[in-house]
Amino acid sequence: PDRIADRLRLPLMTVLATVRYLNEEGLVRRLEGSNRVVLADRDGDGP
């Protein structure tokens, strides 16, 4: 999220809220054991 905020020139709190929303919608997921986020797998195995 820090990197996303930096690269897109957005407030970190905005990015954190956006990532949380996208995660709830199943569009992104957090990499296991990391704070990095990726787009959710298209095969539907994400929560």
ModelCIF file with pLDDT and N, C-alpha, C, O atoms, coordinates in Angstrom:
data_MODEL
#
_entry.id   MODEL 
#
_entity.id                         1 
_entity.type                       polymer 
_entity.pdbx_number_of_molecules   1 
#
_entity_poly.entity_id                      1 
_entity_poly.type                           'polypeptide(L)' 
_entity_poly.nstd_linkage                   no 
_entity_poly.nstd_monomer                   no 
_entity_poly.pdbx_seq_one_letter_code       PDRIADRLRLPLMTVLATVRYLNEEGLVRRLEGSNRVVLADRDGDGP 
_entity_poly.pdbx_seq_one_letter_code_can   PDRIADRLRLPLMTVLATVRYLNEEGLVRRLEGSNRVVLADRDGDGP 
_entity_poly.pdbx_strand_id                 A 
#
loop_
_entity_poly_seq.entity_id 
_entity_poly_seq.num 
_entity_poly_seq.mon_id 
_entity_poly_seq.hetero 
1 1  PRO n 
1 2  ASP n 
1 3  ARG n 
1 4  ILE n 
1 5  ALA n 
1 6  ASP n 
1 7  ARG n 
1 8  LEU n 
1 9  ARG n 
1 10 LEU n 
1 11 PRO n 
1 12 LEU n 
1 13 MET n 
1 14 THR n 
1 15 VAL n 
1 16 LEU n 
1 17 ALA n 
1 18 THR n 
1 19 VAL n 
1 20 ARG n 
1 21 TYR n 
1 22 LEU n 
1 23 ASN n 
1 24 GLU n 
1 25 GLU n 
1 26 GLY n 
1 27 LEU n 
1 28 VAL n 
1 29 ARG n 
1 30 ARG n 
1 31 LEU n 
1 32 GLU n 
1 33 GLY n 
1 34 SER n 
1 35 ASN n 
1 36 ARG n 
1 37 VAL n 
1 38 VAL n 
1 39 LEU n 
1 40 ALA n 
1 41 ASP n 
1 42 ARG n 
1 43 ASP n 
1 44 GLY n 
1 45 ASP n 
1 46 GLY n 
1 47 PRO n 
#
_struct_asym.id          A 
_struct_asym.entity_id   1 
#
loop_
_ma_qa_metric.id 
_ma_qa_metric.mode 
_ma_qa_metric.name 
_ma_qa_metric.software_group_id 
_ma_qa_metric.type 
1 global pLDDT . pLDDT 
2 local  pLDDT . pLDDT 
#
_ma_qa_metric_global.metric_id      1 
_ma_qa_metric_global.metric_value   88.64 
_ma_qa_metric_global.model_id       1 
_ma_qa_metric_global.ordinal_id     1 
#
loop_
_ma_qa_metric_local.label_asym_id 
_ma_qa_metric_local.label_comp_id 
_ma_qa_metric_local.label_seq_id 
_ma_qa_metric_local.metric_id 
_ma_qa_metric_local.metric_value 
_ma_qa_metric_local.model_id 
_ma_qa_metric_local.ordinal_id 
A PRO 1  2 97.00 1 1  
A ASP 2  2 97.00 1 2  
A ARG 3  2 97.00 1 3  
A ILE 4  2 98.00 1 4  
A ALA 5  2 98.00 1 5  
A ASP 6  2 98.00 1 6  
A ARG 7  2 97.00 1 7  
A LEU 8  2 97.00 1 8  
A ARG 9  2 97.00 1 9  
A LEU 10 2 97.00 1 10 
A PRO 11 2 97.00 1 11 
A LEU 12 2 97.00 1 12 
A MET 13 2 98.00 1 13 
A THR 14 2 97.00 1 14 
A VAL 15 2 97.00 1 15 
A LEU 16 2 97.00 1 16 
A ALA 17 2 97.00 1 17 
A THR 18 2 96.00 1 18 
A VAL 19 2 96.00 1 19 
A ARG 20 2 96.00 1 20 
A TYR 21 2 94.00 1 21 
A LEU 22 2 95.00 1 22 
A ASN 23 2 93.00 1 23 
A GLU 24 2 92.00 1 24 
A GLU 25 2 90.00 1 25 
A GLY 26 2 91.00 1 26 
A LEU 27 2 93.00 1 27 
A VAL 28 2 95.00 1 28 
A ARG 29 2 95.00 1 29 
A ARG 30 2 94.00 1 30 
A LEU 31 2 93.00 1 31 
A GLU 32 2 92.00 1 32 
A GLY 33 2 92.00 1 33 
A SER 34 2 92.00 1 34 
A ASN 35 2 93.00 1 35 
A ARG 36 2 96.00 1 36 
A VAL 37 2 97.00 1 37 
A VAL 38 2 96.00 1 38 
A LEU 39 2 95.00 1 39 
A ALA 40 2 91.00 1 40 
A ASP 41 2 78.00 1 41 
A ARG 42 2 57.00 1 42 
A ASP 43 2 47.00 1 43 
A GLY 44 2 45.00 1 44 
A ASP 45 2 44.00 1 45 
A GLY 46 2 42.00 1 46 
A PRO 47 2 43.00 1 47 
#
loop_
_atom_site.group_PDB 
_atom_site.id 
_atom_site.type_symbol 
_atom_site.label_atom_id 
_atom_site.label_alt_id 
_atom_site.label_comp_id 
_atom_site.label_asym_id 
_atom_site.label_entity_id 
_atom_site.label_seq_id 
_atom_site.pdbx_PDB_ins_code 
_atom_site.Cartn_x 
_atom_site.Cartn_y 
_atom_site.Cartn_z 
_atom_site.occupancy 
_atom_site.B_iso_or_equiv 
_atom_site.pdbx_formal_charge 
_atom_site.auth_seq_id 
_atom_site.auth_comp_id 
_atom_site.auth_asym_id 
_atom_site.auth_atom_id 
_atom_site.pdbx_PDB_model_num 
ATOM 1   N N  . PRO A 1 1  ? 0.815   -1.220  0.000   1.00 97.00 ? 1  PRO A N  1 
ATOM 2   C CA . PRO A 1 1  ? 0.000   0.000   0.000   1.00 97.00 ? 1  PRO A CA 1 
ATOM 3   C C  . PRO A 1 1  ? 0.850   1.272   0.000   1.00 97.00 ? 1  PRO A C  1 
ATOM 4   O O  . PRO A 1 1  ? 0.495   2.257   -0.648  1.00 97.00 ? 1  PRO A O  1 
ATOM 5   N N  . ASP A 1 2  ? 1.975   1.254   0.727   1.00 97.00 ? 2  ASP A N  1 
ATOM 6   C CA . ASP A 1 2  ? 2.874   2.410   0.724   1.00 97.00 ? 2  ASP A CA 1 
ATOM 7   C C  . ASP A 1 2  ? 3.367   2.728   -0.678  1.00 97.00 ? 2  ASP A C  1 
ATOM 8   O O  . ASP A 1 2  ? 3.386   3.885   -1.099  1.00 97.00 ? 2  ASP A O  1 
ATOM 9   N N  . ARG A 1 3  ? 3.761   1.694   -1.388  1.00 97.00 ? 3  ARG A N  1 
ATOM 10  C CA . ARG A 1 3  ? 4.268   1.862   -2.749  1.00 97.00 ? 3  ARG A CA 1 
ATOM 11  C C  . ARG A 1 3  ? 3.168   2.368   -3.687  1.00 97.00 ? 3  ARG A C  1 
ATOM 12  O O  . ARG A 1 3  ? 3.406   3.247   -4.516  1.00 97.00 ? 3  ARG A O  1 
ATOM 13  N N  . ILE A 1 4  ? 1.979   1.816   -3.550  1.00 98.00 ? 4  ILE A N  1 
ATOM 14  C CA . ILE A 1 4  ? 0.856   2.260   -4.370  1.00 98.00 ? 4  ILE A CA 1 
ATOM 15  C C  . ILE A 1 4  ? 0.586   3.745   -4.122  1.00 98.00 ? 4  ILE A C  1 
ATOM 16  O O  . ILE A 1 4  ? 0.433   4.523   -5.063  1.00 98.00 ? 4  ILE A O  1 
ATOM 17  N N  . ALA A 1 5  ? 0.530   4.123   -2.848  1.00 98.00 ? 5  ALA A N  1 
ATOM 18  C CA . ALA A 1 5  ? 0.280   5.521   -2.496  1.00 98.00 ? 5  ALA A CA 1 
ATOM 19  C C  . ALA A 1 5  ? 1.354   6.433   -3.072  1.00 98.00 ? 5  ALA A C  1 
ATOM 20  O O  . ALA A 1 5  ? 1.050   7.501   -3.604  1.00 98.00 ? 5  ALA A O  1 
ATOM 21  N N  . ASP A 1 6  ? 2.600   6.013   -2.967  1.00 98.00 ? 6  ASP A N  1 
ATOM 22  C CA . ASP A 1 6  ? 3.712   6.817   -3.476  1.00 98.00 ? 6  ASP A CA 1 
ATOM 23  C C  . ASP A 1 6  ? 3.641   6.966   -4.989  1.00 98.00 ? 6  ASP A C  1 
ATOM 24  O O  . ASP A 1 6  ? 3.736   8.075   -5.516  1.00 98.00 ? 6  ASP A O  1 
ATOM 25  N N  . ARG A 1 7  ? 3.474   5.855   -5.679  1.00 97.00 ? 7  ARG A N  1 
ATOM 26  C CA . ARG A 1 7  ? 3.485   5.879   -7.145  1.00 97.00 ? 7  ARG A CA 1 
ATOM 27  C C  . ARG A 1 7  ? 2.278   6.587   -7.742  1.00 97.00 ? 7  ARG A C  1 
ATOM 28  O O  . ARG A 1 7  ? 2.386   7.233   -8.784  1.00 97.00 ? 7  ARG A O  1 
ATOM 29  N N  . LEU A 1 8  ? 1.126   6.467   -7.084  1.00 97.00 ? 8  LEU A N  1 
ATOM 30  C CA . LEU A 1 8  ? -0.086  7.103   -7.602  1.00 97.00 ? 8  LEU A CA 1 
ATOM 31  C C  . LEU A 1 8  ? -0.321  8.482   -7.001  1.00 97.00 ? 8  LEU A C  1 
ATOM 32  O O  . LEU A 1 8  ? -1.279  9.173   -7.348  1.00 97.00 ? 8  LEU A O  1 
ATOM 33  N N  . ARG A 1 9  ? 0.574   8.871   -6.089  1.00 97.00 ? 9  ARG A N  1 
ATOM 34  C CA . ARG A 1 9  ? 0.478   10.187  -5.420  1.00 97.00 ? 9  ARG A CA 1 
ATOM 35  C C  . ARG A 1 9  ? -0.875  10.373  -4.738  1.00 97.00 ? 9  ARG A C  1 
ATOM 36  O O  . ARG A 1 9  ? -1.559  11.384  -4.898  1.00 97.00 ? 9  ARG A O  1 
ATOM 37  N N  . LEU A 1 10 ? -1.220  9.346   -3.973  1.00 97.00 ? 10 LEU A N  1 
ATOM 38  C CA . LEU A 1 10 ? -2.458  9.353   -3.207  1.00 97.00 ? 10 LEU A CA 1 
ATOM 39  C C  . LEU A 1 10 ? -2.122  9.278   -1.727  1.00 97.00 ? 10 LEU A C  1 
ATOM 40  O O  . LEU A 1 10 ? -1.074  8.743   -1.365  1.00 97.00 ? 10 LEU A O  1 
ATOM 41  N N  . PRO A 1 11 ? -2.994  9.806   -0.851  1.00 97.00 ? 11 PRO A N  1 
ATOM 42  C CA . PRO A 1 11 ? -2.775  9.639   0.589   1.00 97.00 ? 11 PRO A CA 1 
ATOM 43  C C  . PRO A 1 11 ? -2.799  8.157   0.970   1.00 97.00 ? 11 PRO A C  1 
ATOM 44  O O  . PRO A 1 11 ? -3.620  7.396   0.458   1.00 97.00 ? 11 PRO A O  1 
ATOM 45  N N  . LEU A 1 12 ? -1.908  7.756   1.857   1.00 97.00 ? 12 LEU A N  1 
ATOM 46  C CA . LEU A 1 12 ? -1.833  6.359   2.283   1.00 97.00 ? 12 LEU A CA 1 
ATOM 47  C C  . LEU A 1 12 ? -3.165  5.881   2.848   1.00 97.00 ? 12 LEU A C  1 
ATOM 48  O O  . LEU A 1 12 ? -3.579  4.755   2.575   1.00 97.00 ? 12 LEU A O  1 
ATOM 49  N N  . MET A 1 13 ? -3.841  6.716   3.629   1.00 98.00 ? 13 MET A N  1 
ATOM 50  C CA . MET A 1 13 ? -5.122  6.300   4.214   1.00 98.00 ? 13 MET A CA 1 
ATOM 51  C C  . MET A 1 13 ? -6.155  6.010   3.124   1.00 98.00 ? 13 MET A C  1 
ATOM 52  O O  . MET A 1 13 ? -6.981  5.110   3.276   1.00 98.00 ? 13 MET A O  1 
ATOM 53  N N  . THR A 1 14 ? -6.113  6.756   2.043   1.00 97.00 ? 14 THR A N  1 
ATOM 54  C CA . THR A 1 14 ? -7.019  6.520   0.921   1.00 97.00 ? 14 THR A CA 1 
ATOM 55  C C  . THR A 1 14 ? -6.728  5.172   0.278   1.00 97.00 ? 14 THR A C  1 
ATOM 56  O O  . THR A 1 14 ? -7.643  4.411   -0.037  1.00 97.00 ? 14 THR A O  1 
ATOM 57  N N  . VAL A 1 15 ? -5.450  4.885   0.089   1.00 97.00 ? 15 VAL A N  1 
ATOM 58  C CA . VAL A 1 15 ? -5.054  3.608   -0.516  1.00 97.00 ? 15 VAL A CA 1 
ATOM 59  C C  . VAL A 1 15 ? -5.425  2.449   0.398   1.00 97.00 ? 15 VAL A C  1 
ATOM 60  O O  . VAL A 1 15 ? -5.932  1.430   -0.071  1.00 97.00 ? 15 VAL A O  1 
ATOM 61  N N  . LEU A 1 16 ? -5.182  2.590   1.681   1.00 97.00 ? 16 LEU A N  1 
ATOM 62  C CA . LEU A 1 16 ? -5.525  1.518   2.622   1.00 97.00 ? 16 LEU A CA 1 
ATOM 63  C C  . LEU A 1 16 ? -7.032  1.238   2.599   1.00 97.00 ? 16 LEU A C  1 
ATOM 64  O O  . LEU A 1 16 ? -7.444  0.078   2.590   1.00 97.00 ? 16 LEU A O  1 
ATOM 65  N N  . ALA A 1 17 ? -7.842  2.278   2.589   1.00 97.00 ? 17 ALA A N  1 
ATOM 66  C CA . ALA A 1 17 ? -9.298  2.101   2.534   1.00 97.00 ? 17 ALA A CA 1 
ATOM 67  C C  . ALA A 1 17 ? -9.714  1.463   1.210   1.00 97.00 ? 17 ALA A C  1 
ATOM 68  O O  . ALA A 1 17 ? -10.603 0.611   1.178   1.00 97.00 ? 17 ALA A O  1 
ATOM 69  N N  . THR A 1 18 ? -9.079  1.871   0.136   1.00 96.00 ? 18 THR A N  1 
ATOM 70  C CA . THR A 1 18 ? -9.399  1.327   -1.189  1.00 96.00 ? 18 THR A CA 1 
ATOM 71  C C  . THR A 1 18 ? -9.026  -0.141  -1.277  1.00 96.00 ? 18 THR A C  1 
ATOM 72  O O  . THR A 1 18 ? -9.802  -0.950  -1.785  1.00 96.00 ? 18 THR A O  1 
ATOM 73  N N  . VAL A 1 19 ? -7.845  -0.491  -0.787  1.00 96.00 ? 19 VAL A N  1 
ATOM 74  C CA . VAL A 1 19 ? -7.401  -1.886  -0.804  1.00 96.00 ? 19 VAL A CA 1 
ATOM 75  C C  . VAL A 1 19 ? -8.328  -2.738  0.058   1.00 96.00 ? 19 VAL A C  1 
ATOM 76  O O  . VAL A 1 19 ? -8.666  -3.860  -0.321  1.00 96.00 ? 19 VAL A O  1 
ATOM 77  N N  . ARG A 1 20 ? -8.734  -2.226  1.194   1.00 96.00 ? 20 ARG A N  1 
ATOM 78  C CA . ARG A 1 20 ? -9.666  -2.967  2.054   1.00 96.00 ? 20 ARG A CA 1 
ATOM 79  C C  . ARG A 1 20 ? -10.984 -3.220  1.306   1.00 96.00 ? 20 ARG A C  1 
ATOM 80  O O  . ARG A 1 20 ? -11.512 -4.332  1.340   1.00 96.00 ? 20 ARG A O  1 
ATOM 81  N N  . TYR A 1 21 ? -11.510 -2.199  0.638   1.00 94.00 ? 21 TYR A N  1 
ATOM 82  C CA . TYR A 1 21 ? -12.742 -2.345  -0.136  1.00 94.00 ? 21 TYR A CA 1 
ATOM 83  C C  . TYR A 1 21 ? -12.567 -3.370  -1.257  1.00 94.00 ? 21 TYR A C  1 
ATOM 84  O O  . TYR A 1 21 ? -13.412 -4.246  -1.443  1.00 94.00 ? 21 TYR A O  1 
ATOM 85  N N  . LEU A 1 22 ? -11.464 -3.254  -2.002  1.00 95.00 ? 22 LEU A N  1 
ATOM 86  C CA . LEU A 1 22 ? -11.211 -4.185  -3.110  1.00 95.00 ? 22 LEU A CA 1 
ATOM 87  C C  . LEU A 1 22 ? -11.048 -5.612  -2.601  1.00 95.00 ? 22 LEU A C  1 
ATOM 88  O O  . LEU A 1 22 ? -11.454 -6.561  -3.272  1.00 95.00 ? 22 LEU A O  1 
ATOM 89  N N  . ASN A 1 23 ? -10.458 -5.769  -1.424  1.00 93.00 ? 23 ASN A N  1 
ATOM 90  C CA . ASN A 1 23 ? -10.316 -7.088  -0.816  1.00 93.00 ? 23 ASN A CA 1 
ATOM 91  C C  . ASN A 1 23 ? -11.692 -7.653  -0.441  1.00 93.00 ? 23 ASN A C  1 
ATOM 92  O O  . ASN A 1 23 ? -11.977 -8.822  -0.698  1.00 93.00 ? 23 ASN A O  1 
ATOM 93  N N  . GLU A 1 24 ? -12.535 -6.822  0.161   1.00 92.00 ? 24 GLU A N  1 
ATOM 94  C CA . GLU A 1 24 ? -13.885 -7.263  0.524   1.00 92.00 ? 24 GLU A CA 1 
ATOM 95  C C  . GLU A 1 24 ? -14.697 -7.665  -0.705  1.00 92.00 ? 24 GLU A C  1 
ATOM 96  O O  . GLU A 1 24 ? -15.547 -8.553  -0.628  1.00 92.00 ? 24 GLU A O  1 
ATOM 97  N N  . GLU A 1 25 ? -14.437 -7.020  -1.822  1.00 90.00 ? 25 GLU A N  1 
ATOM 98  C CA . GLU A 1 25 ? -15.136 -7.337  -3.064  1.00 90.00 ? 25 GLU A CA 1 
ATOM 99  C C  . GLU A 1 25 ? -14.514 -8.532  -3.790  1.00 90.00 ? 25 GLU A C  1 
ATOM 100 O O  . GLU A 1 25 ? -15.045 -8.993  -4.800  1.00 90.00 ? 25 GLU A O  1 
ATOM 101 N N  . GLY A 1 26 ? -13.392 -9.030  -3.273  1.00 91.00 ? 26 GLY A N  1 
ATOM 102 C CA . GLY A 1 26 ? -12.740 -10.183 -3.876  1.00 91.00 ? 26 GLY A CA 1 
ATOM 103 C C  . GLY A 1 26 ? -11.889 -9.853  -5.089  1.00 91.00 ? 26 GLY A C  1 
ATOM 104 O O  . GLY A 1 26 ? -11.544 -10.742 -5.868  1.00 91.00 ? 26 GLY A O  1 
ATOM 105 N N  . LEU A 1 27 ? -11.549 -8.590  -5.255  1.00 93.00 ? 27 LEU A N  1 
ATOM 106 C CA . LEU A 1 27 ? -10.758 -8.187  -6.422  1.00 93.00 ? 27 LEU A CA 1 
ATOM 107 C C  . LEU A 1 27 ? -9.259  -8.208  -6.169  1.00 93.00 ? 27 LEU A C  1 
ATOM 108 O O  . LEU A 1 27 ? -8.474  -8.385  -7.102  1.00 93.00 ? 27 LEU A O  1 
ATOM 109 N N  . VAL A 1 28 ? -8.856  -8.031  -4.919  1.00 95.00 ? 28 VAL A N  1 
ATOM 110 C CA . VAL A 1 28 ? -7.436  -8.112  -4.572  1.00 95.00 ? 28 VAL A CA 1 
ATOM 111 C C  . VAL A 1 28 ? -7.294  -9.020  -3.365  1.00 95.00 ? 28 VAL A C  1 
ATOM 112 O O  . VAL A 1 28 ? -8.259  -9.294  -2.651  1.00 95.00 ? 28 VAL A O  1 
ATOM 113 N N  . ARG A 1 29 ? -6.068  -9.479  -3.154  1.00 95.00 ? 29 ARG A N  1 
ATOM 114 C CA . ARG A 1 29 ? -5.777  -10.277 -1.955  1.00 95.00 ? 29 ARG A CA 1 
ATOM 115 C C  . ARG A 1 29 ? -4.370  -9.928  -1.491  1.00 95.00 ? 29 ARG A C  1 
ATOM 116 O O  . ARG A 1 29 ? -3.543  -9.442  -2.262  1.00 95.00 ? 29 ARG A O  1 
ATOM 117 N N  . ARG A 1 30 ? -4.126  -10.187 -0.228  1.00 94.00 ? 30 ARG A N  1 
ATOM 118 C CA . ARG A 1 30 ? -2.801  -9.960  0.343   1.00 94.00 ? 30 ARG A CA 1 
ATOM 119 C C  . ARG A 1 30 ? -1.969  -11.220 0.161   1.00 94.00 ? 30 ARG A C  1 
ATOM 120 O O  . ARG A 1 30 ? -2.457  -12.331 0.372   1.00 94.00 ? 30 ARG A O  1 
ATOM 121 N N  . LEU A 1 31 ? -0.720  -11.045 -0.231  1.00 93.00 ? 31 LEU A N  1 
ATOM 122 C CA . LEU A 1 31 ? 0.168   -12.196 -0.352  1.00 93.00 ? 31 LEU A CA 1 
ATOM 123 C C  . LEU A 1 31 ? 0.449   -12.749 1.037   1.00 93.00 ? 31 LEU A C  1 
ATOM 124 O O  . LEU A 1 31 ? 0.694   -11.994 1.978   1.00 93.00 ? 31 LEU A O  1 
ATOM 125 N N  . GLU A 1 32 ? 0.412   -14.061 1.158   1.00 92.00 ? 32 GLU A N  1 
ATOM 126 C CA . GLU A 1 32 ? 0.599   -14.716 2.443   1.00 92.00 ? 32 GLU A CA 1 
ATOM 127 C C  . GLU A 1 32 ? 1.955   -14.351 3.044   1.00 92.00 ? 32 GLU A C  1 
ATOM 128 O O  . GLU A 1 32 ? 2.985   -14.441 2.376   1.00 92.00 ? 32 GLU A O  1 
ATOM 129 N N  . GLY A 1 33 ? 1.943   -13.934 4.323   1.00 92.00 ? 33 GLY A N  1 
ATOM 130 C CA . GLY A 1 33 ? 3.163   -13.589 5.024   1.00 92.00 ? 33 GLY A CA 1 
ATOM 131 C C  . GLY A 1 33 ? 3.774   -12.269 4.590   1.00 92.00 ? 33 GLY A C  1 
ATOM 132 O O  . GLY A 1 33 ? 4.957   -12.023 4.826   1.00 92.00 ? 33 GLY A O  1 
ATOM 133 N N  . SER A 1 34 ? 2.978   -11.418 3.958   1.00 92.00 ? 34 SER A N  1 
ATOM 134 C CA . SER A 1 34 ? 3.492   -10.162 3.414   1.00 92.00 ? 34 SER A CA 1 
ATOM 135 C C  . SER A 1 34 ? 2.421   -9.091  3.520   1.00 92.00 ? 34 SER A C  1 
ATOM 136 O O  . SER A 1 34 ? 1.247   -9.383  3.752   1.00 92.00 ? 34 SER A O  1 
ATOM 137 N N  . ASN A 1 35 ? 2.843   -7.852  3.346   1.00 93.00 ? 35 ASN A N  1 
ATOM 138 C CA . ASN A 1 35 ? 1.850   -6.778  3.271   1.00 93.00 ? 35 ASN A CA 1 
ATOM 139 C C  . ASN A 1 35 ? 1.613   -6.354  1.824   1.00 93.00 ? 35 ASN A C  1 
ATOM 140 O O  . ASN A 1 35 ? 0.970   -5.336  1.569   1.00 93.00 ? 35 ASN A O  1 
ATOM 141 N N  . ARG A 1 36 ? 2.130   -7.133  0.882   1.00 96.00 ? 36 ARG A N  1 
ATOM 142 C CA . ARG A 1 36 ? 1.946   -6.843  -0.539  1.00 96.00 ? 36 ARG A CA 1 
ATOM 143 C C  . ARG A 1 36 ? 0.576   -7.334  -0.993  1.00 96.00 ? 36 ARG A C  1 
ATOM 144 O O  . ARG A 1 36 ? 0.087   -8.362  -0.524  1.00 96.00 ? 36 ARG A O  1 
ATOM 145 N N  . VAL A 1 37 ? -0.035  -6.596  -1.904  1.00 97.00 ? 37 VAL A N  1 
ATOM 146 C CA . VAL A 1 37 ? -1.335  -6.985  -2.444  1.00 97.00 ? 37 VAL A CA 1 
ATOM 147 C C  . VAL A 1 37 ? -1.210  -7.248  -3.933  1.00 97.00 ? 37 VAL A C  1 
ATOM 148 O O  . VAL A 1 37 ? -0.379  -6.656  -4.622  1.00 97.00 ? 37 VAL A O  1 
ATOM 149 N N  . VAL A 1 38 ? -2.058  -8.151  -4.415  1.00 96.00 ? 38 VAL A N  1 
ATOM 150 C CA . VAL A 1 38 ? -2.111  -8.512  -5.838  1.00 96.00 ? 38 VAL A CA 1 
ATOM 151 C C  . VAL A 1 38 ? -3.571  -8.612  -6.236  1.00 96.00 ? 38 VAL A C  1 
ATOM 152 O O  . VAL A 1 38 ? -4.454  -8.679  -5.381  1.00 96.00 ? 38 VAL A O  1 
ATOM 153 N N  . LEU A 1 39 ? -3.818  -8.621  -7.522  1.00 95.00 ? 39 LEU A N  1 
ATOM 154 C CA . LEU A 1 39 ? -5.168  -8.887  -7.990  1.00 95.00 ? 39 LEU A CA 1 
ATOM 155 C C  . LEU A 1 39 ? -5.514  -10.315 -7.624  1.00 95.00 ? 39 LEU A C  1 
ATOM 156 O O  . LEU A 1 39 ? -4.661  -11.200 -7.691  1.00 95.00 ? 39 LEU A O  1 
ATOM 157 N N  . ALA A 1 40 ? -6.754  -10.547 -7.240  1.00 91.00 ? 40 ALA A N  1 
ATOM 158 C CA . ALA A 1 40 ? -7.198  -11.884 -6.858  1.00 91.00 ? 40 ALA A CA 1 
ATOM 159 C C  . ALA A 1 40 ? -7.164  -12.806 -8.069  1.00 91.00 ? 40 ALA A C  1 
ATOM 160 O O  . ALA A 1 40 ? -7.342  -12.369 -9.205  1.00 91.00 ? 40 ALA A O  1 
ATOM 161 N N  . ASP A 1 41 ? -6.934  -14.076 -7.808  1.00 78.00 ? 41 ASP A N  1 
ATOM 162 C CA . ASP A 1 41 ? -6.926  -15.072 -8.875  1.00 78.00 ? 41 ASP A CA 1 
ATOM 163 C C  . ASP A 1 41 ? -8.286  -15.110 -9.537  1.00 78.00 ? 41 ASP A C  1 
ATOM 164 O O  . ASP A 1 41 ? -9.319  -15.014 -8.875  1.00 78.00 ? 41 ASP A O  1 
ATOM 165 N N  . ARG A 1 42 ? -8.273  -15.251 -10.851 1.00 57.00 ? 42 ARG A N  1 
ATOM 166 C CA . ARG A 1 42 ? -9.530  -15.279 -11.587 1.00 57.00 ? 42 ARG A CA 1 
ATOM 167 C C  . ARG A 1 42 ? -10.234 -16.623 -11.509 1.00 57.00 ? 42 ARG A C  1 
ATOM 168 O O  . ARG A 1 42 ? -11.390 -16.735 -11.918 1.00 57.00 ? 42 ARG A O  1 
ATOM 169 N N  . ASP A 1 43 ? -9.561  -17.646 -10.993 1.00 47.00 ? 43 ASP A N  1 
ATOM 170 C CA . ASP A 1 43 ? -10.213 -18.958 -10.938 1.00 47.00 ? 43 ASP A CA 1 
ATOM 171 C C  . ASP A 1 43 ? -11.126 -19.105 -9.726  1.00 47.00 ? 43 ASP A C  1 
ATOM 172 O O  . ASP A 1 43 ? -11.721 -20.163 -9.519  1.00 47.00 ? 43 ASP A O  1 
ATOM 173 N N  . GLY A 1 44 ? -11.238 -18.043 -8.924  1.00 45.00 ? 44 GLY A N  1 
ATOM 174 C CA . GLY A 1 44 ? -12.213 -18.049 -7.844  1.00 45.00 ? 44 GLY A CA 1 
ATOM 175 C C  . GLY A 1 44 ? -11.766 -18.728 -6.578  1.00 45.00 ? 44 GLY A C  1 
ATOM 176 O O  . GLY A 1 44 ? -12.610 -19.021 -5.731  1.00 45.00 ? 44 GLY A O  1 
ATOM 177 N N  . ASP A 1 45 ? -10.460 -19.002 -6.391  1.00 44.00 ? 45 ASP A N  1 
ATOM 178 C CA . ASP A 1 45 ? -10.052 -19.689 -5.177  1.00 44.00 ? 45 ASP A CA 1 
ATOM 179 C C  . ASP A 1 45 ? -9.817  -18.731 -4.017  1.00 44.00 ? 45 ASP A C  1 
ATOM 180 O O  . ASP A 1 45 ? -9.528  -19.182 -2.909  1.00 44.00 ? 45 ASP A O  1 
ATOM 181 N N  . GLY A 1 46 ? -9.930  -17.447 -4.233  1.00 42.00 ? 46 GLY A N  1 
ATOM 182 C CA . GLY A 1 46 ? -9.763  -16.481 -3.161  1.00 42.00 ? 46 GLY A CA 1 
ATOM 183 C C  . GLY A 1 46 ? -11.040 -16.354 -2.340  1.00 42.00 ? 46 GLY A C  1 
ATOM 184 O O  . GLY A 1 46 ? -12.125 -16.688 -2.817  1.00 42.00 ? 46 GLY A O  1 
ATOM 185 N N  . PRO A 1 47 ? -10.913 -15.870 -1.100  1.00 43.00 ? 47 PRO A N  1 
ATOM 186 C CA . PRO A 1 47 ? -12.096 -15.713 -0.270  1.00 43.00 ? 47 PRO A CA 1 
ATOM 187 C C  . PRO A 1 47 ? -12.996 -14.600 -0.791  1.00 43.00 ? 47 PRO A C  1 
ATOM 188 O O  . PRO A 1 47 ? -14.045 -14.330 -0.207  1.00 43.00 ? 47 PRO A O  1 
#
